[in-house]
Amino acid sequence: MMSYLKKTRAAERIQALFCESDLMAFGAMQAIRDFGQGIHLAVAGFGDSEEARSSTWHLTSWSPDIRQIAGRALDRWLGQQTGNSSAEEQEQLQRRHSHAGKVLPGEMSACGCAFRH
């Protein structure tokens, strides 16, 4: 992330980033904070880890239903058919501060970007 921020002109940078894990999102957010310059980049992760809920990160994260994922994996491994019953019903997006991105000037206290003001 730091390399990307250094090499990419401000006008050409992405505005949002969805990471494949909360851990990767934490790394991206830390790079954004370390880079400084008031960059506004919305970040979301995957896994909804305990740390994602902390005030340090306040990371928006997709919360998968691990029991159903494991159950489907076991069913496939055992050669059993699985139905599409309610696999997505337990999964949900846990919305927190990090996903909001840049807001209007004068509302910096409500800004949800990864940069810590």
PDB file of N, CA and C in Angstrom:
ATOM      1  N   MET A   1       0.836  -1.183   0.000  1.00  0.00           N
ATOM      2  CA  MET A   1       0.000   0.000   0.000  1.00  0.00           C
ATOM      3  C   MET A   1       0.881   1.248   0.000  1.00  0.00           C
ATOM      4  N   MET A   2       1.921   1.239   0.830  1.00  0.00           N
ATOM      5  CA  MET A   2       2.799   2.408   0.900  1.00  0.00           C
ATOM      6  C   MET A   2       3.452   2.661  -0.454  1.00  0.00           C
ATOM      7  N   SER A   3       3.919   1.610  -1.098  1.00  0.00           N
ATOM      8  CA  SER A   3       4.535   1.745  -2.416  1.00  0.00           C
ATOM      9  C   SER A   3       3.538   2.316  -3.425  1.00  0.00           C
ATOM     10  N   TYR A   4       2.311   1.813  -3.381  1.00  0.00           N
ATOM     11  CA  TYR A   4       1.253   2.310  -4.271  1.00  0.00           C
ATOM     12  C   TYR A   4       1.007   3.798  -4.045  1.00  0.00           C
ATOM     13  N   LEU A   5       0.926   4.206  -2.801  1.00  0.00           N
ATOM     14  CA  LEU A   5       0.666   5.606  -2.478  1.00  0.00           C
ATOM     15  C   LEU A   5       1.802   6.512  -2.949  1.00  0.00           C
ATOM     16  N   LYS A   6       3.024   6.043  -2.817  1.00  0.00           N
ATOM     17  CA  LYS A   6       4.183   6.839  -3.233  1.00  0.00           C
ATOM     18  C   LYS A   6       4.283   6.964  -4.746  1.00  0.00           C
ATOM     19  N   LYS A   7       3.916   5.904  -5.470  1.00  0.00           N
ATOM     20  CA  LYS A   7       4.082   5.870  -6.919  1.00  0.00           C
ATOM     21  C   LYS A   7       2.915   6.462  -7.694  1.00  0.00           C
ATOM     22  N   THR A   8       1.746   6.510  -7.086  1.00  0.00           N
ATOM     23  CA  THR A   8       0.540   6.919  -7.802  1.00  0.00           C
ATOM     24  C   THR A   8       0.196   8.371  -7.503  1.00  0.00           C
ATOM     25  N   ARG A   9      -0.049   9.131  -8.562  1.00  0.00           N
ATOM     26  CA  ARG A   9      -0.446  10.530  -8.380  1.00  0.00           C
ATOM     27  C   ARG A   9      -1.787  10.589  -7.667  1.00  0.00           C
ATOM     28  N   ALA A  10      -1.969  11.623  -6.869  1.00  0.00           N
ATOM     29  CA  ALA A  10      -3.180  11.767  -6.051  1.00  0.00           C
ATOM     30  C   ALA A  10      -4.455  11.669  -6.891  1.00  0.00           C
ATOM     31  N   ALA A  11      -4.477  12.284  -8.049  1.00  0.00           N
ATOM     32  CA  ALA A  11      -5.677  12.286  -8.891  1.00  0.00           C
ATOM     33  C   ALA A  11      -5.991  10.908  -9.462  1.00  0.00           C
ATOM     34  N   GLU A  12      -5.022   9.996  -9.472  1.00  0.00           N
ATOM     35  CA  GLU A  12      -5.212   8.683 -10.074  1.00  0.00           C
ATOM     36  C   GLU A  12      -5.389   7.564  -9.039  1.00  0.00           C
ATOM     37  N   ARG A  13      -5.364   7.890  -7.769  1.00  0.00           N
ATOM     38  CA  ARG A  13      -5.468   6.870  -6.721  1.00  0.00           C
ATOM     39  C   ARG A  13      -6.891   6.332  -6.595  1.00  0.00           C
ATOM     40  N   ILE A  14      -6.972   5.080  -6.132  1.00  0.00           N
ATOM     41  CA  ILE A  14      -8.274   4.479  -5.872  1.00  0.00           C
ATOM     42  C   ILE A  14      -8.956   5.222  -4.716  1.00  0.00           C
ATOM     43  N   GLN A  15     -10.261   5.082  -4.613  1.00  0.00           N
ATOM     44  CA  GLN A  15     -11.008   5.739  -3.549  1.00  0.00           C
ATOM     45  C   GLN A  15     -11.441   4.765  -2.465  1.00  0.00           C
ATOM     46  N   ALA A  16     -11.436   3.478  -2.790  1.00  0.00           N
ATOM     47  CA  ALA A  16     -11.872   2.464  -1.828  1.00  0.00           C
ATOM     48  C   ALA A  16     -11.092   1.182  -2.055  1.00  0.00           C
ATOM     49  N   LEU A  17     -10.974   0.403  -0.981  1.00  0.00           N
ATOM     50  CA  LEU A  17     -10.211  -0.840  -1.027  1.00  0.00           C
ATOM     51  C   LEU A  17     -10.928  -1.899  -0.201  1.00  0.00           C
ATOM     52  N   PHE A  18     -11.224  -3.051  -0.828  1.00  0.00           N
ATOM     53  CA  PHE A  18     -11.795  -4.184  -0.101  1.00  0.00           C
ATOM     54  C   PHE A  18     -10.715  -5.236  -0.025  1.00  0.00           C
ATOM     55  N   CYS A  19     -10.275  -5.548   1.181  1.00  0.00           N
ATOM     56  CA  CYS A  19      -9.183  -6.502   1.397  1.00  0.00           C
ATOM     57  C   CYS A  19      -9.728  -7.893   1.670  1.00  0.00           C
ATOM     58  N   GLU A  20      -8.970  -8.916   1.280  1.00  0.00           N
ATOM     59  CA  GLU A  20      -9.439 -10.292   1.453  1.00  0.00           C
ATOM     60  C   GLU A  20      -9.388 -10.771   2.891  1.00  0.00           C
ATOM     61  N   SER A  21      -8.799  -9.981   3.787  1.00  0.00           N
ATOM     62  CA  SER A  21      -8.805 -10.318   5.213  1.00  0.00           C
ATOM     63  C   SER A  21      -8.726  -9.029   6.030  1.00  0.00           C
ATOM     64  N   ASP A  22      -9.171  -9.109   7.263  1.00  0.00           N
ATOM     65  CA  ASP A  22      -9.053  -7.952   8.153  1.00  0.00           C
ATOM     66  C   ASP A  22      -7.593  -7.594   8.372  1.00  0.00           C
ATOM     67  N   LEU A  23      -6.735  -8.599   8.475  1.00  0.00           N
ATOM     68  CA  LEU A  23      -5.313  -8.357   8.702  1.00  0.00           C
ATOM     69  C   LEU A  23      -4.704  -7.522   7.577  1.00  0.00           C
ATOM     70  N   MET A  24      -5.058  -7.849   6.343  1.00  0.00           N
ATOM     71  CA  MET A  24      -4.560  -7.057   5.211  1.00  0.00           C
ATOM     72  C   MET A  24      -5.122  -5.636   5.267  1.00  0.00           C
ATOM     73  N   ALA A  25      -6.371  -5.504   5.682  1.00  0.00           N
ATOM     74  CA  ALA A  25      -6.980  -4.177   5.797  1.00  0.00           C
ATOM     75  C   ALA A  25      -6.264  -3.346   6.858  1.00  0.00           C
ATOM     76  N   PHE A  26      -5.878  -3.985   7.980  1.00  0.00           N
ATOM     77  CA  PHE A  26      -5.140  -3.259   9.023  1.00  0.00           C
ATOM     78  C   PHE A  26      -3.822  -2.738   8.460  1.00  0.00           C
ATOM     79  N   GLY A  27      -3.138  -3.571   7.687  1.00  0.00           N
ATOM     80  CA  GLY A  27      -1.876  -3.155   7.075  1.00  0.00           C
ATOM     81  C   GLY A  27      -2.065  -1.990   6.123  1.00  0.00           C
ATOM     82  N   ALA A  28      -3.115  -2.056   5.317  1.00  0.00           N
ATOM     83  CA  ALA A  28      -3.401  -0.968   4.381  1.00  0.00           C
ATOM     84  C   ALA A  28      -3.728   0.316   5.136  1.00  0.00           C
ATOM     85  N   MET A  29      -4.537   0.197   6.182  1.00  0.00           N
ATOM     86  CA  MET A  29      -4.899   1.380   6.964  1.00  0.00           C
ATOM     87  C   MET A  29      -3.675   1.989   7.649  1.00  0.00           C
ATOM     88  N   GLN A  30      -2.791   1.139   8.154  1.00  0.00           N
ATOM     89  CA  GLN A  30      -1.589   1.654   8.803  1.00  0.00           C
ATOM     90  C   GLN A  30      -0.688   2.357   7.794  1.00  0.00           C
ATOM     91  N   ALA A  31      -0.562   1.806   6.599  1.00  0.00           N
ATOM     92  CA  ALA A  31       0.235   2.458   5.553  1.00  0.00           C
ATOM     93  C   ALA A  31      -0.350   3.821   5.192  1.00  0.00           C
ATOM     94  N   ILE A  32      -1.677   3.898   5.113  1.00  0.00           N
ATOM     95  CA  ILE A  32      -2.338   5.170   4.812  1.00  0.00           C
ATOM     96  C   ILE A  32      -2.052   6.181   5.910  1.00  0.00           C
ATOM     97  N   ARG A  33      -2.135   5.734   7.156  1.00  0.00           N
ATOM     98  CA  ARG A  33      -1.854   6.619   8.290  1.00  0.00           C
ATOM     99  C   ARG A  33      -0.399   7.069   8.281  1.00  0.00           C
ATOM    100  N   ASP A  34       0.528   6.129   8.026  1.00  0.00           N
ATOM    101  CA  ASP A  34       1.953   6.465   8.013  1.00  0.00           C
ATOM    102  C   ASP A  34       2.311   7.391   6.863  1.00  0.00           C
ATOM    103  N   PHE A  35       1.649   7.219   5.727  1.00  0.00           N
ATOM    104  CA  PHE A  35       1.914   8.061   4.560  1.00  0.00           C
ATOM    105  C   PHE A  35       1.497   9.502   4.823  1.00  0.00           C
ATOM    106  N   GLY A  36       0.418   9.665   5.587  1.00  0.00           N
ATOM    107  CA  GLY A  36      -0.051  11.006   5.941  1.00  0.00           C
ATOM    108  C   GLY A  36      -0.678  11.726   4.767  1.00  0.00           C
ATOM    109  N   GLN A  37      -0.437  12.993   4.672  1.00  0.00           N
ATOM    110  CA  GLN A  37      -0.930  13.868   3.608  1.00  0.00           C
ATOM    111  C   GLN A  37      -2.446  13.895   3.502  1.00  0.00           C
ATOM    112  N   GLY A  38      -3.153  13.494   4.551  1.00  0.00           N
ATOM    113  CA  GLY A  38      -4.609  13.593   4.579  1.00  0.00           C
ATOM    114  C   GLY A  38      -5.317  12.783   3.519  1.00  0.00           C
ATOM    115  N   ILE A  39      -4.752  11.652   3.125  1.00  0.00           N
ATOM    116  CA  ILE A  39      -5.366  10.808   2.102  1.00  0.00           C
ATOM    117  C   ILE A  39      -6.693  10.255   2.608  1.00  0.00           C
ATOM    118  N   HIS A  40      -7.694  10.297   1.754  1.00  0.00           N
ATOM    119  CA  HIS A  40      -9.002   9.750   2.084  1.00  0.00           C
ATOM    120  C   HIS A  40      -9.227   8.511   1.241  1.00  0.00           C
ATOM    121  N   LEU A  41      -9.170   7.355   1.881  1.00  0.00           N
ATOM    122  CA  LEU A  41      -9.352   6.089   1.204  1.00  0.00           C
ATOM    123  C   LEU A  41     -10.205   5.195   2.093  1.00  0.00           C
ATOM    124  N   ALA A  42     -11.365   4.816   1.605  1.00  0.00           N
ATOM    125  CA  ALA A  42     -12.253   3.939   2.366  1.00  0.00           C
ATOM    126  C   ALA A  42     -11.703   2.518   2.321  1.00  0.00           C
ATOM    127  N   VAL A  43     -11.711   1.820   3.464  1.00  0.00           N
ATOM    128  CA  VAL A  43     -11.166   0.465   3.546  1.00  0.00           C
ATOM    129  C   VAL A  43     -12.179  -0.456   4.218  1.00  0.00           C
ATOM    130  N   ALA A  44     -12.314  -1.660   3.670  1.00  0.00           N
ATOM    131  CA  ALA A  44     -13.149  -2.705   4.277  1.00  0.00           C
ATOM    132  C   ALA A  44     -12.373  -4.011   4.241  1.00  0.00           C
ATOM    133  N   GLY A  45     -12.672  -4.887   5.195  1.00  0.00           N
ATOM    134  CA  GLY A  45     -11.981  -6.165   5.288  1.00  0.00           C
ATOM    135  C   GLY A  45     -12.940  -7.334   5.201  1.00  0.00           C
ATOM    136  N   PHE A  46     -12.394  -8.516   5.477  1.00  0.00           N
ATOM    137  CA  PHE A  46     -13.181  -9.739   5.434  1.00  0.00           C
ATOM    138  C   PHE A  46     -12.816 -10.589   6.640  1.00  0.00           C
ATOM    139  N   GLY A  47     -13.814 -11.031   7.390  1.00  0.00           N
ATOM    140  CA  GLY A  47     -13.592 -11.914   8.514  1.00  0.00           C
ATOM    141  C   GLY A  47     -14.191 -11.408   9.811  1.00  0.00           C
ATOM    142  N   ASP A  48     -14.368 -10.115   9.927  1.00  0.00           N
ATOM    143  CA  ASP A  48     -14.916  -9.481  11.122  1.00  0.00           C
ATOM    144  C   ASP A  48     -14.227  -9.970  12.400  1.00  0.00           C
ATOM    145  N   SER A  49     -12.917  -9.823  12.422  1.00  0.00           N
ATOM    146  CA  SER A  49     -12.136 -10.242  13.587  1.00  0.00           C
ATOM    147  C   SER A  49     -12.451  -9.359  14.795  1.00  0.00           C
ATOM    148  N   GLU A  50     -12.078  -9.845  15.956  1.00  0.00           N
ATOM    149  CA  GLU A  50     -12.288  -9.083  17.198  1.00  0.00           C
ATOM    150  C   GLU A  50     -11.598  -7.728  17.120  1.00  0.00           C
ATOM    151  N   GLU A  51     -10.401  -7.710  16.542  1.00  0.00           N
ATOM    152  CA  GLU A  51      -9.640  -6.463  16.449  1.00  0.00           C
ATOM    153  C   GLU A  51     -10.308  -5.444  15.524  1.00  0.00           C
ATOM    154  N   ALA A  52     -11.080  -5.917  14.543  1.00  0.00           N
ATOM    155  CA  ALA A  52     -11.782  -5.011  13.626  1.00  0.00           C
ATOM    156  C   ALA A  52     -12.759  -4.120  14.380  1.00  0.00           C
ATOM    157  N   ARG A  53     -13.270  -4.632  15.498  1.00  0.00           N
ATOM    158  CA  ARG A  53     -14.238  -3.883  16.309  1.00  0.00           C
ATOM    159  C   ARG A  53     -13.572  -2.869  17.226  1.00  0.00           C
ATOM    160  N   SER A  54     -12.255  -2.933  17.361  1.00  0.00           N
ATOM    161  CA  SER A  54     -11.545  -2.058  18.301  1.00  0.00           C
ATOM    162  C   SER A  54     -11.546  -0.606  17.824  1.00  0.00           C
ATOM    163  N   SER A  55     -11.366   0.297  18.760  1.00  0.00           N
ATOM    164  CA  SER A  55     -11.336   1.721  18.420  1.00  0.00           C
ATOM    165  C   SER A  55     -10.090   2.077  17.611  1.00  0.00           C
ATOM    166  N   THR A  56      -9.073   1.233  17.657  1.00  0.00           N
ATOM    167  CA  THR A  56      -7.870   1.480  16.856  1.00  0.00           C
ATOM    168  C   THR A  56      -8.185   1.415  15.372  1.00  0.00           C
ATOM    169  N   TRP A  57      -8.991   0.448  14.966  1.00  0.00           N
ATOM    170  CA  TRP A  57      -9.275   0.241  13.548  1.00  0.00           C
ATOM    171  C   TRP A  57     -10.693   0.621  13.168  1.00  0.00           C
ATOM    172  N   HIS A  58     -11.664   0.243  13.946  1.00  0.00           N
ATOM    173  CA  HIS A  58     -13.077   0.481  13.641  1.00  0.00           C
ATOM    174  C   HIS A  58     -13.355   0.142  12.178  1.00  0.00           C
ATOM    175  N   LEU A  59     -12.936  -1.080  11.797  1.00  0.00           N
ATOM    176  CA  LEU A  59     -12.939  -1.541  10.413  1.00  0.00           C
ATOM    177  C   LEU A  59     -14.285  -2.118   9.994  1.00  0.00           C
ATOM    178  N   THR A  60     -14.806  -1.644   8.891  1.00  0.00           N
ATOM    179  CA  THR A  60     -15.964  -2.256   8.268  1.00  0.00           C
ATOM    180  C   THR A  60     -15.495  -3.588   7.706  1.00  0.00           C
ATOM    181  N   SER A  61     -16.218  -4.664   7.999  1.00  0.00           N
ATOM    182  CA  SER A  61     -15.743  -5.990   7.616  1.00  0.00           C
ATOM    183  C   SER A  61     -16.903  -6.925   7.319  1.00  0.00           C
ATOM    184  N   TRP A  62     -16.705  -7.806   6.323  1.00  0.00           N
ATOM    185  CA  TRP A  62     -17.703  -8.816   6.007  1.00  0.00           C
ATOM    186  C   TRP A  62     -17.587  -9.931   7.031  1.00  0.00           C
ATOM    187  N   SER A  63     -18.700 -10.307   7.613  1.00  0.00           N
ATOM    188  CA  SER A  63     -18.737 -11.322   8.652  1.00  0.00           C
ATOM    189  C   SER A  63     -19.303 -12.621   8.083  1.00  0.00           C
ATOM    190  N   PRO A  64     -18.431 -13.590   7.752  1.00  0.00           N
ATOM    191  CA  PRO A  64     -18.931 -14.853   7.202  1.00  0.00           C
ATOM    192  C   PRO A  64     -19.443 -15.769   8.304  1.00  0.00           C
ATOM    193  N   ASP A  65     -20.311 -16.702   7.939  1.00  0.00           N
ATOM    194  CA  ASP A  65     -20.790 -17.703   8.886  1.00  0.00           C
ATOM    195  C   ASP A  65     -19.845 -18.907   8.773  1.00  0.00           C
ATOM    196  N   ILE A  66     -18.870 -18.975   9.661  1.00  0.00           N
ATOM    197  CA  ILE A  66     -17.834 -20.000   9.616  1.00  0.00           C
ATOM    198  C   ILE A  66     -18.425 -21.409   9.733  1.00  0.00           C
ATOM    199  N   ARG A  67     -19.460 -21.582  10.556  1.00  0.00           N
ATOM    200  CA  ARG A  67     -20.061 -22.914  10.716  1.00  0.00           C
ATOM    201  C   ARG A  67     -20.631 -23.432   9.399  1.00  0.00           C
ATOM    202  N   GLN A  68     -21.298 -22.560   8.670  1.00  0.00           N
ATOM    203  CA  GLN A  68     -21.875 -22.996   7.400  1.00  0.00           C
ATOM    204  C   GLN A  68     -20.787 -23.264   6.365  1.00  0.00           C
ATOM    205  N   ILE A  69     -19.744 -22.442   6.360  1.00  0.00           N
ATOM    206  CA  ILE A  69     -18.638 -22.652   5.421  1.00  0.00           C
ATOM    207  C   ILE A  69     -17.975 -24.004   5.696  1.00  0.00           C
ATOM    208  N   ALA A  70     -17.703 -24.278   6.971  1.00  0.00           N
ATOM    209  CA  ALA A  70     -17.087 -25.549   7.350  1.00  0.00           C
ATOM    210  C   ALA A  70     -18.019 -26.721   7.018  1.00  0.00           C
ATOM    211  N   GLY A  71     -19.299 -26.566   7.284  1.00  0.00           N
ATOM    212  CA  GLY A  71     -20.276 -27.613   6.973  1.00  0.00           C
ATOM    213  C   GLY A  71     -20.336 -27.919   5.490  1.00  0.00           C
ATOM    214  N   ARG A  72     -20.359 -26.876   4.658  1.00  0.00           N
ATOM    215  CA  ARG A  72     -20.376 -27.083   3.209  1.00  0.00           C
ATOM    216  C   ARG A  72     -19.088 -27.755   2.735  1.00  0.00           C
ATOM    217  N   ALA A  73     -17.953 -27.363   3.321  1.00  0.00           N
ATOM    218  CA  ALA A  73     -16.680 -27.984   2.951  1.00  0.00           C
ATOM    219  C   ALA A  73     -16.683 -29.468   3.299  1.00  0.00           C
ATOM    220  N   LEU A  74     -17.174 -29.799   4.493  1.00  0.00           N
ATOM    221  CA  LEU A  74     -17.250 -31.210   4.887  1.00  0.00           C
ATOM    222  C   LEU A  74     -18.200 -31.992   3.987  1.00  0.00           C
ATOM    223  N   ASP A  75     -19.334 -31.403   3.651  1.00  0.00           N
ATOM    224  CA  ASP A  75     -20.285 -32.067   2.762  1.00  0.00           C
ATOM    225  C   ASP A  75     -19.650 -32.360   1.409  1.00  0.00           C
ATOM    226  N   ARG A  76     -18.916 -31.410   0.870  1.00  0.00           N
ATOM    227  CA  ARG A  76     -18.243 -31.619  -0.420  1.00  0.00           C
ATOM    228  C   ARG A  76     -17.176 -32.689  -0.300  1.00  0.00           C
ATOM    229  N   TRP A  77     -16.437 -32.656   0.785  1.00  0.00           N
ATOM    230  CA  TRP A  77     -15.375 -33.626   1.010  1.00  0.00           C
ATOM    231  C   TRP A  77     -15.941 -35.038   1.095  1.00  0.00           C
ATOM    232  N   LEU A  78     -17.104 -35.155   1.723  1.00  0.00           N
ATOM    233  CA  LEU A  78     -17.762 -36.459   1.864  1.00  0.00           C
ATOM    234  C   LEU A  78     -18.595 -36.834   0.647  1.00  0.00           C
ATOM    235  N   GLY A  79     -18.636 -35.949  -0.350  1.00  0.00           N
ATOM    236  CA  GLY A  79     -19.362 -36.226  -1.586  1.00  0.00           C
ATOM    237  C   GLY A  79     -20.853 -36.063  -1.469  1.00  0.00           C
ATOM    238  N   GLN A  80     -21.319 -35.309  -0.499  1.00  0.00           N
ATOM    239  CA  GLN A  80     -22.748 -35.100  -0.306  1.00  0.00           C
ATOM    240  C   GLN A  80     -23.194 -33.835  -1.016  1.00  0.00           C
ATOM    241  N   GLN A  81     -24.440 -33.852  -1.461  1.00  0.00           N
ATOM    242  CA  GLN A  81     -25.020 -32.669  -2.099  1.00  0.00           C
ATOM    243  C   GLN A  81     -25.360 -31.635  -1.042  1.00  0.00           C
ATOM    244  N   THR A  82     -25.107 -30.383  -1.368  1.00  0.00           N
ATOM    245  CA  THR A  82     -25.489 -29.310  -0.455  1.00  0.00           C
ATOM    246  C   THR A  82     -26.504 -28.422  -1.144  1.00  0.00           C
ATOM    247  N   GLY A  83     -27.498 -28.027  -0.412  1.00  0.00           N
ATOM    248  CA  GLY A  83     -28.499 -27.115  -0.937  1.00  0.00           C
ATOM    249  C   GLY A  83     -28.066 -25.677  -0.727  1.00  0.00           C
ATOM    250  N   ASN A  84     -28.655 -24.777  -1.451  1.00  0.00           N
ATOM    251  CA  ASN A  84     -28.345 -23.355  -1.302  1.00  0.00           C
ATOM    252  C   ASN A  84     -29.267 -22.710  -0.291  1.00  0.00           C
ATOM    253  N   SER A  85     -29.763 -23.481   0.637  1.00  0.00           N
ATOM    254  CA  SER A  85     -30.804 -23.058   1.578  1.00  0.00           C
ATOM    255  C   SER A  85     -30.612 -21.640   2.102  1.00  0.00           C
ATOM    256  N   SER A  86     -29.868 -21.488   3.162  1.00  0.00           N
ATOM    257  CA  SER A  86     -29.764 -20.161   3.771  1.00  0.00           C
ATOM    258  C   SER A  86     -28.308 -19.794   4.030  1.00  0.00           C
ATOM    259  N   ALA A  87     -27.441 -20.114   3.091  1.00  0.00           N
ATOM    260  CA  ALA A  87     -26.007 -19.886   3.281  1.00  0.00           C
ATOM    261  C   ALA A  87     -25.680 -18.419   3.511  1.00  0.00           C
ATOM    262  N   GLU A  88     -26.388 -17.541   2.837  1.00  0.00           N
ATOM    263  CA  GLU A  88     -26.066 -16.119   2.981  1.00  0.00           C
ATOM    264  C   GLU A  88     -26.820 -15.433   4.113  1.00  0.00           C
ATOM    265  N   GLU A  89     -27.762 -16.117   4.722  1.00  0.00           N
ATOM    266  CA  GLU A  89     -28.581 -15.479   5.739  1.00  0.00           C
ATOM    267  C   GLU A  89     -27.789 -15.068   6.973  1.00  0.00           C
ATOM    268  N   GLN A  90     -26.764 -15.844   7.353  1.00  0.00           N
ATOM    269  CA  GLN A  90     -25.993 -15.531   8.545  1.00  0.00           C
ATOM    270  C   GLN A  90     -24.820 -14.597   8.257  1.00  0.00           C
ATOM    271  N   GLU A  91     -24.467 -14.456   6.997  1.00  0.00           N
ATOM    272  CA  GLU A  91     -23.361 -13.590   6.621  1.00  0.00           C
ATOM    273  C   GLU A  91     -23.879 -12.163   6.480  1.00  0.00           C
ATOM    274  N   GLN A  92     -23.053 -11.202   6.900  1.00  0.00           N
ATOM    275  CA  GLN A  92     -23.488  -9.818   6.779  1.00  0.00           C
ATOM    276  C   GLN A  92     -22.315  -8.862   6.869  1.00  0.00           C
ATOM    277  N   LEU A  93     -22.521  -7.683   6.368  1.00  0.00           N
ATOM    278  CA  LEU A  93     -21.518  -6.637   6.431  1.00  0.00           C
ATOM    279  C   LEU A  93     -21.638  -5.918   7.772  1.00  0.00           C
ATOM    280  N   GLN A  94     -20.551  -5.899   8.518  1.00  0.00           N
ATOM    281  CA  GLN A  94     -20.510  -5.175   9.792  1.00  0.00           C
ATOM    282  C   GLN A  94     -19.987  -3.773   9.501  1.00  0.00           C
ATOM    283  N   ARG A  95     -20.868  -2.811   9.451  1.00  0.00           N
ATOM    284  CA  ARG A  95     -20.485  -1.440   9.085  1.00  0.00           C
ATOM    285  C   ARG A  95     -19.902  -0.705  10.268  1.00  0.00           C
ATOM    286  N   ARG A  96     -18.716  -0.174  10.033  1.00  0.00           N
ATOM    287  CA  ARG A  96     -18.050   0.643  11.037  1.00  0.00           C
ATOM    288  C   ARG A  96     -17.495   1.877  10.344  1.00  0.00           C
ATOM    289  N   HIS A  97     -16.623   2.567  10.969  1.00  0.00           N
ATOM    290  CA  HIS A  97     -16.133   3.864  10.517  1.00  0.00           C
ATOM    291  C   HIS A  97     -15.295   3.817   9.233  1.00  0.00           C
ATOM    292  N   SER A  98     -14.523   2.761   9.013  1.00  0.00           N
ATOM    293  CA  SER A  98     -13.497   2.768   7.968  1.00  0.00           C
ATOM    294  C   SER A  98     -14.008   2.822   6.536  1.00  0.00           C
ATOM    295  N   HIS A  99     -15.255   2.479   6.282  1.00  0.00           N
ATOM    296  CA  HIS A  99     -15.744   2.360   4.910  1.00  0.00           C
ATOM    297  C   HIS A  99     -16.295   3.653   4.327  1.00  0.00           C
ATOM    298  N   ALA A 100     -16.509   4.645   5.134  1.00  0.00           N
ATOM    299  CA  ALA A 100     -17.255   5.811   4.674  1.00  0.00           C
ATOM    300  C   ALA A 100     -16.524   6.658   3.651  1.00  0.00           C
ATOM    301  N   GLY A 101     -15.211   6.701   3.684  1.00  0.00           N
ATOM    302  CA  GLY A 101     -14.477   7.509   2.723  1.00  0.00           C
ATOM    303  C   GLY A 101     -14.567   8.982   3.052  1.00  0.00           C
ATOM    304  N   LYS A 102     -14.297   9.816   2.062  1.00  0.00           N
ATOM    305  CA  LYS A 102     -14.239  11.262   2.273  1.00  0.00           C
ATOM    306  C   LYS A 102     -15.639  11.860   2.358  1.00  0.00           C
ATOM    307  N   VAL A 103     -15.785  12.791   3.275  1.00  0.00           N
ATOM    308  CA  VAL A 103     -17.054  13.510   3.414  1.00  0.00           C
ATOM    309  C   VAL A 103     -16.833  14.978   3.087  1.00  0.00           C
ATOM    310  N   LEU A 104     -17.836  15.747   3.182  1.00  0.00           N
ATOM    311  CA  LEU A 104     -17.754  17.165   2.838  1.00  0.00           C
ATOM    312  C   LEU A 104     -16.843  17.932   3.780  1.00  0.00           C
ATOM    313  N   PRO A 105     -16.150  18.963   3.260  1.00  0.00           N
ATOM    314  CA  PRO A 105     -15.307  19.784   4.137  1.00  0.00           C
ATOM    315  C   PRO A 105     -16.121  20.349   5.291  1.00  0.00           C
ATOM    316  N   GLY A 106     -15.489  20.421   6.452  1.00  0.00           N
ATOM    317  CA  GLY A 106     -16.172  20.928   7.627  1.00  0.00           C
ATOM    318  C   GLY A 106     -16.801  19.829   8.453  1.00  0.00           C
ATOM    319  N   GLU A 107     -16.788  18.603   7.916  1.00  0.00           N
ATOM    320  CA  GLU A 107     -17.363  17.469   8.628  1.00  0.00           C
ATOM    321  C   GLU A 107     -16.294  16.424   8.919  1.00  0.00           C
ATOM    322  N   MET A 108     -15.068  16.857   9.151  1.00  0.00           N
ATOM    323  CA  MET A 108     -13.967  15.929   9.331  1.00  0.00           C
ATOM    324  C   MET A 108     -14.164  14.999  10.521  1.00  0.00           C
ATOM    325  N   SER A 109     -14.883  15.421  11.531  1.00  0.00           N
ATOM    326  CA  SER A 109     -15.094  14.548  12.681  1.00  0.00           C
ATOM    327  C   SER A 109     -15.927  13.323  12.299  1.00  0.00           C
ATOM    328  N   ALA A 110     -16.691  13.427  11.225  1.00  0.00           N
ATOM    329  CA  ALA A 110     -17.519  12.313  10.777  1.00  0.00           C
ATOM    330  C   ALA A 110     -16.873  11.532   9.644  1.00  0.00           C
ATOM    331  N   CYS A 111     -15.651  11.888   9.277  1.00  0.00           N
ATOM    332  CA  CYS A 111     -14.967  11.233   8.179  1.00  0.00           C
ATOM    333  C   CYS A 111     -14.710   9.775   8.508  1.00  0.00           C
ATOM    334  N   GLY A 112     -14.940   8.890   7.559  1.00  0.00           N
ATOM    335  CA  GLY A 112     -14.755   7.471   7.783  1.00  0.00           C
ATOM    336  C   GLY A 112     -13.566   6.882   7.061  1.00  0.00           C
ATOM    337  N   CYS A 113     -12.681   7.697   6.534  1.00  0.00           N
ATOM    338  CA  CYS A 113     -11.549   7.160   5.802  1.00  0.00           C
ATOM    339  C   CYS A 113     -10.547   6.490   6.729  1.00  0.00           C
ATOM    340  N   ALA A 114      -9.600   5.806   6.150  1.00  0.00           N
ATOM    341  CA  ALA A 114      -8.594   5.087   6.933  1.00  0.00           C
ATOM    342  C   ALA A 114      -7.587   6.028   7.587  1.00  0.00           C
ATOM    343  N   PHE A 115      -7.477   7.251   7.106  1.00  0.00           N
ATOM    344  CA  PHE A 115      -6.532   8.213   7.688  1.00  0.00           C
ATOM    345  C   PHE A 115      -7.077   8.717   9.004  1.00  0.00           C
ATOM    346  N   ARG A 116      -6.268   8.739  10.000  1.00  0.00           N
ATOM    347  CA  ARG A 116      -6.700   9.208  11.319  1.00  0.00           C
ATOM    348  C   ARG A 116      -6.432  10.702  11.414  1.00  0.00           C
ATOM    349  N   HIS A 117      -7.481  11.497  11.578  1.00  0.00           N
ATOM    350  CA  HIS A 117      -7.344  12.962  11.633  1.00  0.00           C
ATOM    351  C   HIS A 117      -6.920  13.420  13.003  1.00  0.00           C
TER     352      HIS A 117
END
